[in-house]
Structure formats: C-alpha cells, structure tokens
C-alpha cells in the first residue's frame, strides 16, 4: 500500500509541476497582471476593457482596406486591457499602493520605463517590454490622478516600432507618434 501512495504522490507532484510550467508558458511576455479590480464603493467611475486576439483580428479585417498599416499593427496584438477606477477616500490608498507595486514589478522584471511625468496631482509612467531591437512585446501605462482616477493599460503582442509611429501619424495620435519616435531612435 505504501509504494502505491508514494507513486501516486510522486505522480501528483509531477503533474502539478507540469501544469505550472504550461500555465507560465501560456502567459505572453508582455502581459502584466493588475489583479482583481473592483468598482469604488458608493458612486464612482469604473471602466474595464479587455479585448483579446480574436476580436482584435476582426477589427483588423474591418480596417484593412482603409488603413492597411493599422490593420497590420492590430494583427500583431494579443491583448488590450484598460482599467479606469474612480478614486474616493475608501480606495485611494489601496490604488496608490497597487500602482506602486505594479511599477516595482515592472522594474524588477526588466521593463524599460520610457516616460515618467509628475505634476501636481498627476503621476504617469509608461513601460515597454522589448524583444531586442525588433519588437515591443508589451506596453504598460499607469496613471494616478490623486483626486479623480487611476488608469491601468496593458497592450500585449508583437508590435513593430515603425508601425506604432506610422499609425500615430496616420490617425494623428500624439502619444503613439512620440512612443514610435522613441522606439525608432533606440
């Protein structure tokens, strides 16, 4: 009986280790887990956008004829996640700590902070996870407006720097233009 228990325990441990490895491999390198976010207690803004590759692919097909460069950029994306959480006295401290923890995690995992902007009640950071000089694997934006809201953005995929700037130019989106220009200089 004891050998059977030992072999069953060994098999269970092996399967657990395998499942952890498989889960880790399925997480794209540009993905950052923001944790479970909830609407603020009482009244307050709460927006959660979570768009996965299948819907992004459909969007790419829709814009392909009018904006082929934008369609090509979209095809390289795996996930777009945007969270906006209204801040109040009950959740402000927790959100400040969460954003600080996320930034520390990004720093410890080798993400490059390309933008830091602090002014009065605003605190903004933009991070990139790159694969050498060839592509951006992830983009994370954290915004803390002390009295109003916290914003968390994670874009995951195979993003070519020249496409980011081109889409920014075509669609006249200044932040994309600037990020694209920064990436092209690297």
C-alpha atoms as a PDB file:
ATOM      1  CA  UNK A   1       0.000   0.000   0.000  1.00  0.00           C
ATOM      2  CA  UNK A   2       2.801   2.462   0.893  1.00  0.00           C
ATOM      3  CA  UNK A   3       4.571   2.140  -2.504  1.00  0.00           C
ATOM      4  CA  UNK A   4       1.267   2.954  -4.216  1.00  0.00           C
ATOM      5  CA  UNK A   5       0.815   6.095  -2.064  1.00  0.00           C
ATOM      6  CA  UNK A   6       4.375   7.188  -2.811  1.00  0.00           C
ATOM      7  CA  UNK A   7       3.996   6.667  -6.555  1.00  0.00           C
ATOM      8  CA  UNK A   8       0.620   8.431  -6.557  1.00  0.00           C
ATOM      9  CA  UNK A   9       2.096  11.331  -4.593  1.00  0.00           C
ATOM     10  CA  UNK A  10       5.047  11.488  -6.952  1.00  0.00           C
ATOM     11  CA  UNK A  11       2.753  11.468  -9.984  1.00  0.00           C
ATOM     12  CA  UNK A  12       0.599  14.215  -8.444  1.00  0.00           C
ATOM     13  CA  UNK A  13       3.689  16.362  -7.784  1.00  0.00           C
ATOM     14  CA  UNK A  14       4.931  15.795 -11.345  1.00  0.00           C
ATOM     15  CA  UNK A  15       1.547  16.766 -12.820  1.00  0.00           C
ATOM     16  CA  UNK A  16       1.360  19.875 -10.619  1.00  0.00           C
ATOM     17  CA  UNK A  17       4.839  20.968 -11.738  1.00  0.00           C
ATOM     18  CA  UNK A  18       3.898  20.345 -15.378  1.00  0.00           C
ATOM     19  CA  UNK A  19       0.667  22.355 -15.100  1.00  0.00           C
ATOM     20  CA  UNK A  20       2.526  25.289 -13.522  1.00  0.00           C
ATOM     21  CA  UNK A  21       5.056  25.201 -16.375  1.00  0.00           C
ATOM     22  CA  UNK A  22       2.313  25.046 -19.016  1.00  0.00           C
ATOM     23  CA  UNK A  23       0.449  27.996 -17.415  1.00  0.00           C
ATOM     24  CA  UNK A  24       3.663  30.038 -17.285  1.00  0.00           C
ATOM     25  CA  UNK A  25       4.372  29.305 -20.965  1.00  0.00           C
ATOM     26  CA  UNK A  26       0.868  30.438 -21.989  1.00  0.00           C
ATOM     27  CA  UNK A  27       1.363  33.884 -20.470  1.00  0.00           C
ATOM     28  CA  UNK A  28       2.763  36.225 -23.130  1.00  0.00           C
ATOM     29  CA  UNK A  29       5.946  38.077 -22.080  1.00  0.00           C
ATOM     30  CA  UNK A  30       4.234  41.473 -22.401  1.00  0.00           C
ATOM     31  CA  UNK A  31       1.372  40.590 -20.051  1.00  0.00           C
ATOM     32  CA  UNK A  32       1.153  42.119 -16.575  1.00  0.00           C
ATOM     33  CA  UNK A  33      -1.478  41.007 -14.073  1.00  0.00           C
ATOM     34  CA  UNK A  34      -3.105  44.039 -12.449  1.00  0.00           C
ATOM     35  CA  UNK A  35      -5.009  41.803 -10.036  1.00  0.00           C
ATOM     36  CA  UNK A  36      -8.736  41.844  -9.472  1.00  0.00           C
ATOM     37  CA  UNK A  37     -10.101  45.350  -9.750  1.00  0.00           C
ATOM     38  CA  UNK A  38     -13.477  46.364  -8.388  1.00  0.00           C
ATOM     39  CA  UNK A  39     -15.671  49.439  -8.735  1.00  0.00           C
ATOM     40  CA  UNK A  40     -15.257  52.012  -5.969  1.00  0.00           C
ATOM     41  CA  UNK A  41     -17.701  51.730  -3.093  1.00  0.00           C
ATOM     42  CA  UNK A  42     -20.511  54.238  -3.499  1.00  0.00           C
ATOM     43  CA  UNK A  43     -20.509  56.295  -6.640  1.00  0.00           C
ATOM     44  CA  UNK A  44     -17.522  56.461  -8.889  1.00  0.00           C
ATOM     45  CA  UNK A  45     -16.280  55.676 -12.344  1.00  0.00           C
ATOM     46  CA  UNK A  46     -15.304  52.129 -13.266  1.00  0.00           C
ATOM     47  CA  UNK A  47     -14.351  51.078 -16.776  1.00  0.00           C
ATOM     48  CA  UNK A  48     -12.889  47.731 -17.745  1.00  0.00           C
ATOM     49  CA  UNK A  49     -11.950  46.937 -21.333  1.00  0.00           C
ATOM     50  CA  UNK A  50     -10.475  43.503 -22.033  1.00  0.00           C
ATOM     51  CA  UNK A  51     -10.078  42.785 -25.750  1.00  0.00           C
ATOM     52  CA  UNK A  52      -8.458  39.518 -26.799  1.00  0.00           C
ATOM     53  CA  UNK A  53      -6.852  38.492 -30.084  1.00  0.00           C
ATOM     54  CA  UNK A  54      -9.997  37.134 -31.758  1.00  0.00           C
ATOM     55  CA  UNK A  55     -11.821  40.465 -31.510  1.00  0.00           C
ATOM     56  CA  UNK A  56      -8.653  42.373 -32.407  1.00  0.00           C
ATOM     57  CA  UNK A  57      -8.375  40.185 -35.528  1.00  0.00           C
ATOM     58  CA  UNK A  58     -11.921  41.105 -36.529  1.00  0.00           C
ATOM     59  CA  UNK A  59     -11.105  44.798 -36.086  1.00  0.00           C
ATOM     60  CA  UNK A  60      -8.021  44.350 -38.286  1.00  0.00           C
ATOM     61  CA  UNK A  61     -10.192  42.866 -41.034  1.00  0.00           C
ATOM     62  CA  UNK A  62     -12.617  45.796 -40.799  1.00  0.00           C
ATOM     63  CA  UNK A  63      -9.933  48.495 -41.255  1.00  0.00           C
ATOM     64  CA  UNK A  64      -7.699  46.580 -43.644  1.00  0.00           C
ATOM     65  CA  UNK A  65      -8.822  48.340 -46.823  1.00  0.00           C
ATOM     66  CA  UNK A  66      -8.831  51.881 -45.442  1.00  0.00           C
ATOM     67  CA  UNK A  67      -5.815  51.673 -43.098  1.00  0.00           C
ATOM     68  CA  UNK A  68      -3.607  48.676 -44.015  1.00  0.00           C
ATOM     69  CA  UNK A  69      -0.823  49.805 -41.664  1.00  0.00           C
ATOM     70  CA  UNK A  70      -3.227  49.983 -38.722  1.00  0.00           C
ATOM     71  CA  UNK A  71      -4.573  46.549 -39.682  1.00  0.00           C
ATOM     72  CA  UNK A  72      -1.061  45.109 -39.701  1.00  0.00           C
ATOM     73  CA  UNK A  73      -0.373  46.584 -36.247  1.00  0.00           C
ATOM     74  CA  UNK A  74      -3.652  45.167 -34.929  1.00  0.00           C
ATOM     75  CA  UNK A  75      -2.819  41.682 -36.251  1.00  0.00           C
ATOM     76  CA  UNK A  76       0.270  41.652 -34.058  1.00  0.00           C
ATOM     77  CA  UNK A  77      -1.716  42.307 -30.863  1.00  0.00           C
ATOM     78  CA  UNK A  78      -2.793  39.567 -28.479  1.00  0.00           C
ATOM     79  CA  UNK A  79      -4.494  41.581 -25.761  1.00  0.00           C
ATOM     80  CA  UNK A  80      -5.555  45.115 -24.909  1.00  0.00           C
ATOM     81  CA  UNK A  81      -6.614  45.784 -21.343  1.00  0.00           C
ATOM     82  CA  UNK A  82      -7.707  49.165 -19.987  1.00  0.00           C
ATOM     83  CA  UNK A  83      -8.974  49.838 -16.475  1.00  0.00           C
ATOM     84  CA  UNK A  84     -10.203  53.176 -15.161  1.00  0.00           C
ATOM     85  CA  UNK A  85     -11.112  53.293 -11.480  1.00  0.00           C
ATOM     86  CA  UNK A  86     -12.664  56.344  -9.912  1.00  0.00           C
ATOM     87  CA  UNK A  87     -10.919  57.292  -6.680  1.00  0.00           C
ATOM     88  CA  UNK A  88     -12.533  58.194  -3.382  1.00  0.00           C
ATOM     89  CA  UNK A  89     -11.474  58.192   0.278  1.00  0.00           C
ATOM     90  CA  UNK A  90     -12.124  54.433   0.597  1.00  0.00           C
ATOM     91  CA  UNK A  91      -9.992  53.185  -2.312  1.00  0.00           C
ATOM     92  CA  UNK A  92      -7.392  55.918  -2.940  1.00  0.00           C
ATOM     93  CA  UNK A  93      -4.713  54.487  -0.655  1.00  0.00           C
ATOM     94  CA  UNK A  94      -5.195  50.930  -1.975  1.00  0.00           C
ATOM     95  CA  UNK A  95      -4.929  52.056  -5.600  1.00  0.00           C
ATOM     96  CA  UNK A  96      -1.797  54.108  -4.882  1.00  0.00           C
ATOM     97  CA  UNK A  97      -0.192  51.032  -3.288  1.00  0.00           C
ATOM     98  CA  UNK A  98      -1.310  48.784  -6.160  1.00  0.00           C
ATOM     99  CA  UNK A  99       0.161  51.110  -8.788  1.00  0.00           C
ATOM    100  CA  UNK A 100       3.409  51.336  -6.820  1.00  0.00           C
ATOM    101  CA  UNK A 101       3.538  47.512  -6.620  1.00  0.00           C
ATOM    102  CA  UNK A 102       2.901  47.174 -10.368  1.00  0.00           C
ATOM    103  CA  UNK A 103       5.692  49.671 -11.126  1.00  0.00           C
ATOM    104  CA  UNK A 104       8.099  47.827  -8.821  1.00  0.00           C
ATOM    105  CA  UNK A 105       7.206  44.540 -10.531  1.00  0.00           C
ATOM    106  CA  UNK A 106       7.851  46.066 -13.960  1.00  0.00           C
ATOM    107  CA  UNK A 107      11.208  47.457 -12.800  1.00  0.00           C
ATOM    108  CA  UNK A 108      12.222  44.113 -11.277  1.00  0.00           C
ATOM    109  CA  UNK A 109      11.268  42.198 -14.444  1.00  0.00           C
ATOM    110  CA  UNK A 110      13.447  44.367 -16.665  1.00  0.00           C
ATOM    111  CA  UNK A 111      10.787  46.503 -18.293  1.00  0.00           C
ATOM    112  CA  UNK A 112      12.082  49.843 -19.527  1.00  0.00           C
ATOM    113  CA  UNK A 113      10.416  52.947 -18.133  1.00  0.00           C
ATOM    114  CA  UNK A 114      10.277  55.341 -21.076  1.00  0.00           C
ATOM    115  CA  UNK A 115       8.018  58.035 -19.608  1.00  0.00           C
ATOM    116  CA  UNK A 116       7.799  59.456 -16.113  1.00  0.00           C
ATOM    117  CA  UNK A 117       5.651  62.530 -15.664  1.00  0.00           C
ATOM    118  CA  UNK A 118       4.706  64.035 -12.329  1.00  0.00           C
ATOM    119  CA  UNK A 119       2.850  67.270 -11.952  1.00  0.00           C
ATOM    120  CA  UNK A 120       0.668  68.422  -9.074  1.00  0.00           C
ATOM    121  CA  UNK A 121      -1.885  65.625  -8.693  1.00  0.00           C
ATOM    122  CA  UNK A 122      -0.785  63.552 -11.704  1.00  0.00           C
ATOM    123  CA  UNK A 123       1.690  60.696 -11.722  1.00  0.00           C
ATOM    124  CA  UNK A 124       2.214  58.901 -15.046  1.00  0.00           C
ATOM    125  CA  UNK A 125       4.588  56.111 -16.054  1.00  0.00           C
ATOM    126  CA  UNK A 126       4.934  54.249 -19.351  1.00  0.00           C
ATOM    127  CA  UNK A 127       6.881  50.991 -19.573  1.00  0.00           C
ATOM    128  CA  UNK A 128       7.988  48.830 -22.505  1.00  0.00           C
ATOM    129  CA  UNK A 129       8.942  45.182 -22.684  1.00  0.00           C
ATOM    130  CA  UNK A 130      11.065  44.744 -25.804  1.00  0.00           C
ATOM    131  CA  UNK A 131      12.459  41.780 -27.677  1.00  0.00           C
ATOM    132  CA  UNK A 132      15.827  43.146 -28.657  1.00  0.00           C
ATOM    133  CA  UNK A 133      15.577  45.894 -31.239  1.00  0.00           C
ATOM    134  CA  UNK A 134      13.000  44.130 -33.364  1.00  0.00           C
ATOM    135  CA  UNK A 135       9.712  44.411 -31.476  1.00  0.00           C
ATOM    136  CA  UNK A 136       7.794  45.585 -28.457  1.00  0.00           C
ATOM    137  CA  UNK A 137       6.153  42.676 -26.621  1.00  0.00           C
ATOM    138  CA  UNK A 138       4.255  44.764 -24.111  1.00  0.00           C
ATOM    139  CA  UNK A 139       3.308  48.284 -23.160  1.00  0.00           C
ATOM    140  CA  UNK A 140       2.059  49.289 -19.716  1.00  0.00           C
ATOM    141  CA  UNK A 141       0.732  52.707 -18.769  1.00  0.00           C
ATOM    142  CA  UNK A 142      -0.065  53.638 -15.173  1.00  0.00           C
ATOM    143  CA  UNK A 143      -1.764  56.924 -14.351  1.00  0.00           C
ATOM    144  CA  UNK A 144      -2.693  58.192 -10.934  1.00  0.00           C
ATOM    145  CA  UNK A 145      -4.738  61.359 -10.716  1.00  0.00           C
ATOM    146  CA  UNK A 146      -4.893  61.741  -6.950  1.00  0.00           C
ATOM    147  CA  UNK A 147      -8.363  63.203  -6.677  1.00  0.00           C
ATOM    148  CA  UNK A 148     -10.055  61.648  -9.697  1.00  0.00           C
ATOM    149  CA  UNK A 149      -8.976  58.295 -11.050  1.00  0.00           C
ATOM    150  CA  UNK A 150      -6.406  55.595 -11.596  1.00  0.00           C
ATOM    151  CA  UNK A 151      -5.781  54.248 -15.098  1.00  0.00           C
ATOM    152  CA  UNK A 152      -4.020  50.994 -15.970  1.00  0.00           C
ATOM    153  CA  UNK A 153      -3.307  49.947 -19.561  1.00  0.00           C
ATOM    154  CA  UNK A 154      -1.587  46.788 -20.827  1.00  0.00           C
ATOM    155  CA  UNK A 155      -1.098  46.133 -24.542  1.00  0.00           C
ATOM    156  CA  UNK A 156       0.421  42.749 -25.401  1.00  0.00           C
ATOM    157  CA  UNK A 157       1.675  41.479 -28.730  1.00  0.00           C
ATOM    158  CA  UNK A 158       4.322  41.717 -31.382  1.00  0.00           C
ATOM    159  CA  UNK A 159       4.426  45.430 -32.025  1.00  0.00           C
ATOM    160  CA  UNK A 160       6.900  46.711 -34.599  1.00  0.00           C
ATOM    161  CA  UNK A 161       8.232  50.158 -33.631  1.00  0.00           C
ATOM    162  CA  UNK A 162       7.894  51.567 -37.138  1.00  0.00           C
ATOM    163  CA  UNK A 163       4.212  50.601 -37.180  1.00  0.00           C
ATOM    164  CA  UNK A 164       3.481  52.380 -33.902  1.00  0.00           C
ATOM    165  CA  UNK A 165       4.822  55.670 -35.250  1.00  0.00           C
ATOM    166  CA  UNK A 166       3.091  55.183 -38.613  1.00  0.00           C
ATOM    167  CA  UNK A 167      -0.296  54.508 -37.038  1.00  0.00           C
ATOM    168  CA  UNK A 168       0.231  57.515 -34.755  1.00  0.00           C
ATOM    169  CA  UNK A 169       0.935  59.662 -37.809  1.00  0.00           C
ATOM    170  CA  UNK A 170      -1.997  58.357 -39.873  1.00  0.00           C
ATOM    171  CA  UNK A 171      -4.518  58.608 -37.056  1.00  0.00           C
ATOM    172  CA  UNK A 172      -2.960  61.783 -35.584  1.00  0.00           C
ATOM    173  CA  UNK A 173      -2.446  60.280 -32.119  1.00  0.00           C
ATOM    174  CA  UNK A 174       0.395  62.238 -30.497  1.00  0.00           C
ATOM    175  CA  UNK A 175       1.323  59.704 -27.756  1.00  0.00           C
ATOM    176  CA  UNK A 176       1.693  56.948 -30.385  1.00  0.00           C
ATOM    177  CA  UNK A 177       3.822  59.245 -32.532  1.00  0.00           C
ATOM    178  CA  UNK A 178       6.115  60.008 -29.591  1.00  0.00           C
ATOM    179  CA  UNK A 179       6.425  56.375 -28.476  1.00  0.00           C
ATOM    180  CA  UNK A 180       7.118  55.320 -32.048  1.00  0.00           C
ATOM    181  CA  UNK A 181       9.761  58.026 -32.453  1.00  0.00           C
ATOM    182  CA  UNK A 182      11.394  56.996 -29.161  1.00  0.00           C
ATOM    183  CA  UNK A 183      11.473  53.359 -30.270  1.00  0.00           C
ATOM    184  CA  UNK A 184      12.946  54.198 -33.677  1.00  0.00           C
ATOM    185  CA  UNK A 185      15.804  56.134 -32.013  1.00  0.00           C
ATOM    186  CA  UNK A 186      16.787  53.099 -29.920  1.00  0.00           C
END
